[in-house]
Each structure stands twice: as structure tokens, then as C-alpha cells.
Amino acid sequence: MKKIMCLLTVLVLISCGDKKEENGKLKVVTTTTMITDLVEHIGGDLIEINGLMGSGIDPHLYKASQGDFRKLDRADVIFYNGLHLEGKLVEVFEKMNEQAKTTIAISDGVAENTLIGSEYFASNYDPHIWFDLAYWNDISVYVTKRLSELDPENAAAFEVNRDDYLKKLKELKIDLDKKIEELPKEKRILVTAHDAFNYFGRTFDFEVVGLQGISTATEAGVKDVQRITEFIIENKIKAIFIESSVPRRTVEALQAAVNAQNHDVIIGGELFSDALGSAGTAEGTYIGMYKHNVNTIVNALK
């Protein structure tokens, strides 16, 4: 609590400084790159958006800088994931909301009783909801609704942008289903650095195994490596995957342990889990990220 109050004190001090000239646009701050991409699609050039996290950033361990607090202070609205994904920021957002700053958890846009449970988060749910395409549709609708409430003059334009994005998501699902059909069901076993892909697994009928568990704040131990080594050998898995926002050393250690047991397993490629790729690349968008991940998984496992 003391730490949170210190952060809020910094926020108050920052707010005393000069602010940029008003341009009439809704000032939006987002946390993760997936949320930034979504809100940009809905808001377009009608909003002024600032994302706190960039490519390769792990939201589980993210710590806000003074520059971040300046952005938060100037924002009209803050969109974050919720479900304690941004573990070190959630209490700050809650306190800001109590002080009349509008903070919106996108997870409020999905039905709570459909979420995957997790004992590793204070919310008791797995927060990696962006890998459920149906959720992302619902969240797109929810974000549009909340933006329209804050800026009713542009509500019609937000809805047009939403409908265009929902169409693209529908096309994405068709493309992904077609690609995944190339992979026999018995080969749909995904082993990654941490357990971020449970919603993906539920959507596309994959068994998912993460070396570090759902949160990267939980370190993988020797027993974890031994357990998953046995699992890989038993199921004759030929490829495992690193993640862009998680150090690759744990997966490399797992690969070495498996190969030492005379079972060849390759690192099938890099997946984007908690962050999108670099800005300006295909993987720097939600749709491009999802296509990259599925192509990488299927091509390596088949």
C-alpha cells in the first residue's frame, strides 16, 4: 500500500506540470500491445493513443516509468487487460479509478463464467484472453461501446471501424482453421516457455503445456524440466517453442534435457504470446501475430 501511495504522489506531482495543447481528441492510454492495436482499429484517427508497453515486453513483470505516469495522468481513459495480467499496475489503476480517472478492463467485456480458472492470479482466472477469437470479437464490441460513451459525437464512426475489424477477425478465423486442418489431431500438442496458450488450445483443440506455468513470475524448476522432458518423449513431440517476451534459456535447457535422453526435439520457432512483434511488421498487429503463430506451430509440428 505504501508503494502505491508513493506512485500516486508522483502522479499528482506530474499533473502540476504543463499539459499539451488540447486537440479535441479523446486521449487514450493502453497497456499491452494487443490492446493498443485493438483500440487503434476502433478509434482510428479520432483518438490520441499512447501504449505503455512495446514489442517483447512481459506485462507480468512490467514496471511503470515516470514517463508512463505522465501519460496516465494526461489520459481521458485507460484501457488495460484486467485479470491481474499487469500485476504491478493493477492496484494503481484501481486507485486511479477511485479518484475519478476512467480506467477500463477489457476483460469486463467477456462472460466471467466462461474464463479458464487459474490459481496463479488474484483474479483466479487465466488472463491471456486475446487468444480466444470469440472473446476478441466481444471485446471489440465492448471497447466500441465504452469509447462511444466517452465520445458520443464519434460513436457512429467507432461503430463503422468496429464492423470493419470484426469482418477481418472473421476472415482470420477462416484462414486459421484452414491452416490448422493441415495438422493431424494427435500432433496438436503445444509446448512453450510459459502457459500463455490455454485459450488458443481451447479454441483450436490443442493440448497446451507451459514450462513456467501461466505467469512468468513463476520460475521453472528442475522438476518442471524433468516432468515435461518425460512428457515430450512419451508423446513423441518433435518441436517446442520459445516466446518473444520470455528469455529463451529455459526452453533451450528443456531441449538439451530431451536430447540427452536420445529423443530429438527442435525449437520450432518463436511465438508471440504476451506482446506483439515490432511496430511496422505484420507480427506487430494482432491479426499478423496470430497468423504467424499458427503458421509457425503447424509447420514445425507436422
Protein backbone atom coordinates (compact mmCIF):
# COMPACT_ATOMS: atom_id res chain seq x y z
CA MET A 1 0.00 0.00 0.00
CA LYS A 2 2.84 2.40 0.85
CA LYS A 3 4.39 1.82 -2.57
CA ILE A 4 1.08 2.52 -4.31
CA MET A 5 0.64 5.80 -2.44
CA CYS A 6 4.15 6.84 -3.47
CA LEU A 7 3.29 6.17 -7.10
CA LEU A 8 0.10 8.19 -6.79
CA THR A 9 2.05 11.03 -5.21
CA VAL A 10 4.33 11.04 -8.26
CA LEU A 11 1.22 11.14 -10.42
CA VAL A 12 -0.11 14.19 -8.58
CA LEU A 13 3.21 15.99 -8.86
CA ILE A 14 3.38 15.28 -12.59
CA SER A 15 -0.15 16.61 -13.06
CA CYS A 16 1.02 20.01 -11.82
CA GLY A 17 3.21 20.42 -14.88
CA ASP A 18 2.22 21.89 -18.25
CA LYS A 19 -0.03 19.78 -20.45
CA LYS A 20 -0.04 19.62 -24.22
CA GLU A 21 -2.39 21.87 -26.11
CA GLU A 22 -5.84 20.35 -26.40
CA ASN A 23 -6.61 18.97 -29.86
CA GLY A 24 -10.16 17.92 -29.15
CA LYS A 25 -9.37 14.20 -29.42
CA LEU A 26 -10.02 11.66 -26.70
CA LYS A 27 -6.71 10.89 -25.00
CA VAL A 28 -6.36 7.13 -24.59
CA VAL A 29 -3.64 5.14 -22.82
CA THR A 30 -3.36 1.38 -23.28
CA THR A 31 -1.14 -1.17 -21.58
CA THR A 32 -0.25 -4.17 -23.76
CA THR A 33 0.44 -4.11 -27.49
CA MET A 34 -2.62 -6.27 -28.23
CA ILE A 35 -4.91 -3.75 -26.55
CA THR A 36 -3.17 -0.86 -28.29
CA ASP A 37 -3.70 -2.49 -31.68
CA LEU A 38 -7.38 -3.16 -30.97
CA VAL A 39 -8.17 0.33 -29.68
CA GLU A 40 -6.32 1.86 -32.64
CA HIS A 41 -8.55 -0.09 -35.02
CA ILE A 42 -11.70 1.12 -33.30
CA GLY A 43 -10.65 4.68 -32.57
CA GLY A 44 -8.66 5.38 -35.71
CA ASP A 45 -7.55 8.98 -36.13
CA LEU A 46 -10.40 10.15 -33.92
CA ILE A 47 -8.40 9.40 -30.76
CA GLU A 48 -4.93 10.21 -29.47
CA ILE A 49 -3.44 6.93 -28.23
CA ASN A 50 -0.35 6.07 -26.20
CA GLY A 51 0.66 2.48 -25.45
CA LEU A 52 2.77 1.85 -22.36
CA MET A 53 4.32 -1.45 -23.45
CA GLY A 54 6.18 -2.23 -26.63
CA SER A 55 7.27 -5.30 -28.55
CA GLY A 56 8.83 -8.06 -26.46
CA ILE A 57 7.64 -6.60 -23.14
CA ASP A 58 6.41 -9.01 -20.49
CA PRO A 59 3.31 -7.46 -18.85
CA HIS A 60 3.53 -9.85 -15.88
CA LEU A 61 6.76 -8.15 -14.75
CA TYR A 62 6.30 -4.66 -16.18
CA LYS A 63 7.16 -1.67 -14.00
CA ALA A 64 5.87 1.77 -14.97
CA SER A 65 8.35 4.61 -15.51
CA GLN A 66 7.85 8.27 -14.64
CA GLY A 67 7.11 8.85 -18.33
CA ASP A 68 4.34 6.27 -18.10
CA PHE A 69 2.79 8.08 -15.15
CA ARG A 70 2.83 11.30 -17.17
CA LYS A 71 0.88 9.53 -19.93
CA LEU A 72 -1.55 8.09 -17.39
CA ASP A 73 -2.15 11.48 -15.84
CA ARG A 74 -2.95 13.12 -19.17
CA ALA A 75 -5.27 10.34 -20.31
CA ASP A 76 -9.03 10.70 -20.52
CA VAL A 77 -9.34 6.92 -20.37
CA ILE A 78 -7.03 3.97 -19.69
CA PHE A 79 -7.67 0.54 -21.22
CA TYR A 80 -5.96 -2.42 -19.57
CA ASN A 81 -6.37 -6.18 -19.67
CA GLY A 82 -7.56 -6.82 -16.13
CA LEU A 83 -7.48 -10.28 -14.52
CA HIS A 84 -4.17 -9.19 -12.94
CA LEU A 85 -2.17 -9.59 -16.15
CA GLU A 86 -0.45 -6.29 -15.44
CA GLY A 87 0.29 -7.41 -11.90
CA LYS A 88 2.35 -4.43 -10.77
CA LEU A 89 -0.05 -1.86 -12.26
CA VAL A 90 -3.49 -3.19 -11.34
CA GLU A 91 -3.65 -1.63 -7.88
CA VAL A 92 -2.52 1.70 -9.33
CA PHE A 93 -5.36 1.58 -11.86
CA GLU A 94 -7.86 0.71 -9.14
CA LYS A 95 -6.73 3.65 -7.02
CA MET A 96 -6.88 5.97 -10.03
CA ASN A 97 -10.41 4.81 -10.76
CA GLU A 98 -11.38 5.72 -7.19
CA GLN A 99 -10.04 9.22 -7.90
CA ALA A 100 -12.37 9.69 -10.88
CA LYS A 101 -9.88 8.65 -13.60
CA THR A 102 -11.67 6.40 -16.11
CA THR A 103 -9.96 3.01 -16.23
CA ILE A 104 -11.47 0.15 -18.24
CA ALA A 105 -10.54 -3.53 -18.01
CA ILE A 106 -11.22 -5.15 -21.38
CA SER A 107 -11.84 -8.45 -19.58
CA ASP A 108 -15.14 -6.93 -18.41
CA GLY A 109 -16.30 -7.45 -21.99
CA VAL A 110 -16.38 -11.25 -21.70
CA ALA A 111 -18.58 -13.58 -19.65
CA GLU A 112 -16.75 -14.37 -16.42
CA ASN A 113 -18.24 -17.87 -16.16
CA THR A 114 -16.52 -18.87 -19.44
CA LEU A 115 -12.99 -17.91 -18.35
CA ILE A 116 -10.31 -20.53 -17.68
CA GLY A 117 -9.53 -20.75 -13.98
CA SER A 118 -6.05 -20.15 -12.59
CA GLU A 119 -4.74 -20.23 -9.03
CA TYR A 120 -1.72 -18.14 -10.02
CA PHE A 121 -3.63 -14.86 -10.32
CA ALA A 122 -5.57 -12.87 -7.74
CA SER A 123 -8.46 -12.78 -10.21
CA ASN A 124 -8.49 -16.63 -10.19
CA TYR A 125 -8.58 -16.61 -13.99
CA ASP A 126 -6.09 -17.05 -16.83
CA PRO A 127 -5.65 -13.51 -18.24
CA HIS A 128 -4.42 -14.44 -21.74
CA ILE A 129 -7.87 -13.84 -23.20
CA TRP A 130 -6.70 -12.40 -26.53
CA PHE A 131 -6.01 -15.92 -27.80
CA ASP A 132 -9.74 -16.67 -27.79
CA LEU A 133 -11.01 -15.18 -31.04
CA ALA A 134 -14.62 -15.16 -29.83
CA TYR A 135 -13.51 -13.14 -26.82
CA TRP A 136 -11.66 -10.71 -29.07
CA ASN A 137 -14.89 -10.16 -31.00
CA ASP A 138 -16.76 -9.48 -27.76
CA ILE A 139 -14.01 -7.20 -26.51
CA SER A 140 -14.06 -5.24 -29.78
CA VAL A 141 -17.76 -4.60 -29.24
CA TYR A 142 -17.17 -3.67 -25.60
CA VAL A 143 -14.34 -1.23 -26.40
CA THR A 144 -16.52 0.41 -29.07
CA LYS A 145 -19.34 0.83 -26.56
CA ARG A 146 -17.08 2.42 -23.95
CA LEU A 147 -15.39 4.77 -26.46
CA SER A 148 -18.83 5.81 -27.73
CA GLU A 149 -19.95 6.62 -24.19
CA LEU A 150 -16.90 8.83 -23.71
CA ASP A 151 -17.12 10.47 -27.14
CA PRO A 152 -20.73 10.20 -28.35
CA GLU A 153 -20.16 12.60 -31.26
CA ASN A 154 -17.93 10.00 -32.90
CA ALA A 155 -19.97 6.93 -31.92
CA ALA A 156 -21.12 6.22 -35.48
CA ALA A 157 -17.54 6.32 -36.78
CA PHE A 158 -16.38 3.99 -34.00
CA GLU A 159 -19.11 1.54 -34.98
CA VAL A 160 -18.05 1.61 -38.63
CA ASN A 161 -14.46 0.86 -37.59
CA ARG A 162 -15.70 -1.92 -35.30
CA ASP A 163 -17.69 -3.59 -38.06
CA ASP A 164 -14.69 -3.46 -40.40
CA TYR A 165 -12.47 -5.02 -37.71
CA LEU A 166 -14.99 -7.74 -36.89
CA LYS A 167 -15.07 -8.65 -40.57
CA LYS A 168 -11.29 -9.01 -40.56
CA LEU A 169 -11.44 -11.19 -37.45
CA LYS A 170 -13.99 -13.45 -39.13
CA GLU A 171 -11.69 -13.82 -42.13
CA LEU A 172 -8.79 -14.53 -39.78
CA LYS A 173 -10.67 -17.40 -38.12
CA ILE A 174 -11.39 -18.98 -41.51
CA ASP A 175 -7.71 -18.75 -42.50
CA LEU A 176 -6.52 -20.20 -39.20
CA ASP A 177 -8.99 -23.08 -39.29
CA LYS A 178 -7.78 -23.97 -42.77
CA LYS A 179 -4.12 -23.93 -41.73
CA ILE A 180 -4.68 -25.98 -38.57
CA GLU A 181 -6.52 -28.64 -40.59
CA GLU A 182 -3.11 -29.48 -42.08
CA LEU A 183 -2.07 -30.84 -38.68
CA PRO A 184 -3.47 -34.22 -37.52
CA LYS A 185 -5.25 -34.00 -34.16
CA GLU A 186 -2.80 -36.38 -32.49
CA LYS A 187 0.01 -33.90 -33.25
CA ARG A 188 -1.76 -30.91 -31.75
CA ILE A 189 0.39 -30.66 -28.64
CA LEU A 190 1.97 -27.28 -27.97
CA VAL A 191 4.95 -26.97 -25.58
CA THR A 192 6.06 -23.39 -24.90
CA ALA A 193 8.06 -21.28 -22.45
CA HIS A 194 5.08 -20.38 -20.27
CA ASP A 195 1.45 -21.38 -20.19
CA ALA A 196 0.01 -18.47 -22.21
CA PHE A 197 -1.84 -20.50 -24.82
CA ASN A 198 -4.68 -22.19 -22.95
CA TYR A 199 -7.34 -20.12 -24.71
CA PHE A 200 -5.66 -20.89 -28.03
CA GLY A 201 -5.72 -24.57 -27.11
CA ARG A 202 -9.40 -24.44 -26.22
CA THR A 203 -10.24 -22.62 -29.45
CA PHE A 204 -8.32 -24.93 -31.78
CA ASP A 205 -8.32 -28.21 -29.84
CA PHE A 206 -4.63 -28.26 -28.82
CA GLU A 207 -3.16 -29.74 -25.67
CA VAL A 208 -1.00 -26.99 -24.20
CA VAL A 209 1.97 -27.38 -21.85
CA GLY A 210 3.95 -24.43 -20.48
CA LEU A 211 7.32 -24.80 -18.82
CA GLN A 212 6.90 -21.84 -16.43
CA GLY A 213 3.18 -22.03 -15.75
CA ILE A 214 0.69 -19.27 -16.52
CA SER A 215 2.70 -16.40 -15.03
CA THR A 216 6.31 -15.70 -16.00
CA ALA A 217 6.79 -14.52 -12.43
CA THR A 218 6.86 -18.23 -11.55
CA GLU A 219 10.29 -19.72 -12.27
CA ALA A 220 10.62 -23.16 -13.84
CA GLY A 221 12.48 -25.64 -11.65
CA VAL A 222 14.41 -28.84 -12.27
CA LYS A 223 11.32 -30.92 -11.56
CA ASP A 224 9.38 -28.96 -14.20
CA VAL A 225 12.05 -29.67 -16.79
CA GLN A 226 12.14 -33.36 -15.87
CA ARG A 227 8.35 -33.68 -15.98
CA ILE A 228 8.00 -32.03 -19.37
CA THR A 229 11.01 -33.92 -20.74
CA GLU A 230 9.20 -37.18 -19.98
CA PHE A 231 6.00 -35.80 -21.50
CA ILE A 232 7.77 -34.84 -24.74
CA ILE A 233 9.41 -38.24 -25.11
CA GLU A 234 6.24 -40.14 -24.25
CA ASN A 235 4.19 -38.18 -26.80
CA LYS A 236 6.94 -38.18 -29.46
CA ILE A 237 6.80 -34.42 -29.81
CA LYS A 238 9.20 -33.14 -32.46
CA ALA A 239 9.19 -29.38 -31.76
CA ILE A 240 8.93 -26.98 -28.82
CA PHE A 241 8.69 -23.18 -28.96
CA ILE A 242 10.28 -20.08 -27.50
CA GLU A 243 8.38 -16.85 -26.89
CA SER A 244 9.35 -13.31 -27.81
CA SER A 245 8.66 -11.89 -24.34
CA VAL A 246 10.24 -14.71 -22.30
CA PRO A 247 14.00 -15.50 -22.09
CA ARG A 248 14.77 -18.48 -24.31
CA ARG A 249 17.19 -20.13 -21.91
CA THR A 250 14.50 -22.22 -20.17
CA VAL A 251 13.30 -23.73 -23.43
CA GLU A 252 16.89 -24.35 -24.55
CA ALA A 253 17.52 -26.15 -21.24
CA LEU A 254 14.43 -28.26 -21.88
CA GLN A 255 15.64 -29.09 -25.39
CA ALA A 256 19.03 -30.15 -24.03
CA ALA A 257 17.38 -32.38 -21.42
CA VAL A 258 15.22 -34.08 -24.04
CA ASN A 259 18.08 -34.58 -26.49
CA ALA A 260 20.18 -36.06 -23.69
CA GLN A 261 17.55 -38.81 -23.46
CA ASN A 262 18.16 -39.69 -27.13
CA HIS A 263 14.98 -38.03 -28.35
CA ASP A 264 15.46 -35.34 -30.97
CA VAL A 265 13.38 -32.23 -30.43
CA ILE A 266 13.89 -28.95 -32.25
CA ILE A 267 12.99 -25.40 -31.32
CA GLY A 268 10.21 -24.89 -33.84
CA GLY A 269 10.35 -21.13 -33.84
CA GLU A 270 9.44 -18.03 -31.87
CA LEU A 271 5.85 -17.36 -30.87
CA PHE A 272 4.32 -14.07 -29.78
CA SER A 273 2.49 -14.60 -26.52
CA ASP A 274 2.26 -11.59 -24.19
CA ALA A 275 3.32 -8.98 -26.75
CA LEU A 276 3.06 -8.37 -30.48
CA GLY A 277 6.03 -8.12 -32.81
CA SER A 278 7.88 -4.94 -33.77
CA ALA A 279 5.87 -1.98 -34.99
CA GLY A 280 5.70 -1.80 -38.77
CA THR A 281 5.86 -5.58 -39.25
CA ALA A 282 3.00 -7.99 -39.93
CA GLU A 283 3.56 -9.52 -36.49
CA GLY A 284 3.18 -6.07 -34.98
CA THR A 285 -0.59 -6.39 -35.44
CA TYR A 286 -2.97 -8.76 -33.66
CA ILE A 287 -4.04 -10.41 -36.92
CA GLY A 288 -0.48 -10.75 -38.20
CA MET A 289 0.68 -12.09 -34.84
CA TYR A 290 -1.99 -14.78 -34.81
CA LYS A 291 -1.23 -15.85 -38.39
CA HIS A 292 2.48 -16.01 -37.61
CA ASN A 293 1.91 -18.13 -34.52
CA VAL A 294 -0.36 -20.64 -36.23
CA ASN A 295 1.88 -20.95 -39.30
CA THR A 296 4.93 -21.45 -37.06
CA ILE A 297 3.22 -24.07 -34.89
CA VAL A 298 1.68 -26.09 -37.71
CA ASN A 299 4.77 -26.04 -39.94
CA ALA A 300 7.03 -27.21 -37.10
CA LEU A 301 4.75 -29.94 -35.73
CA LYS A 302 3.62 -31.51 -38.98
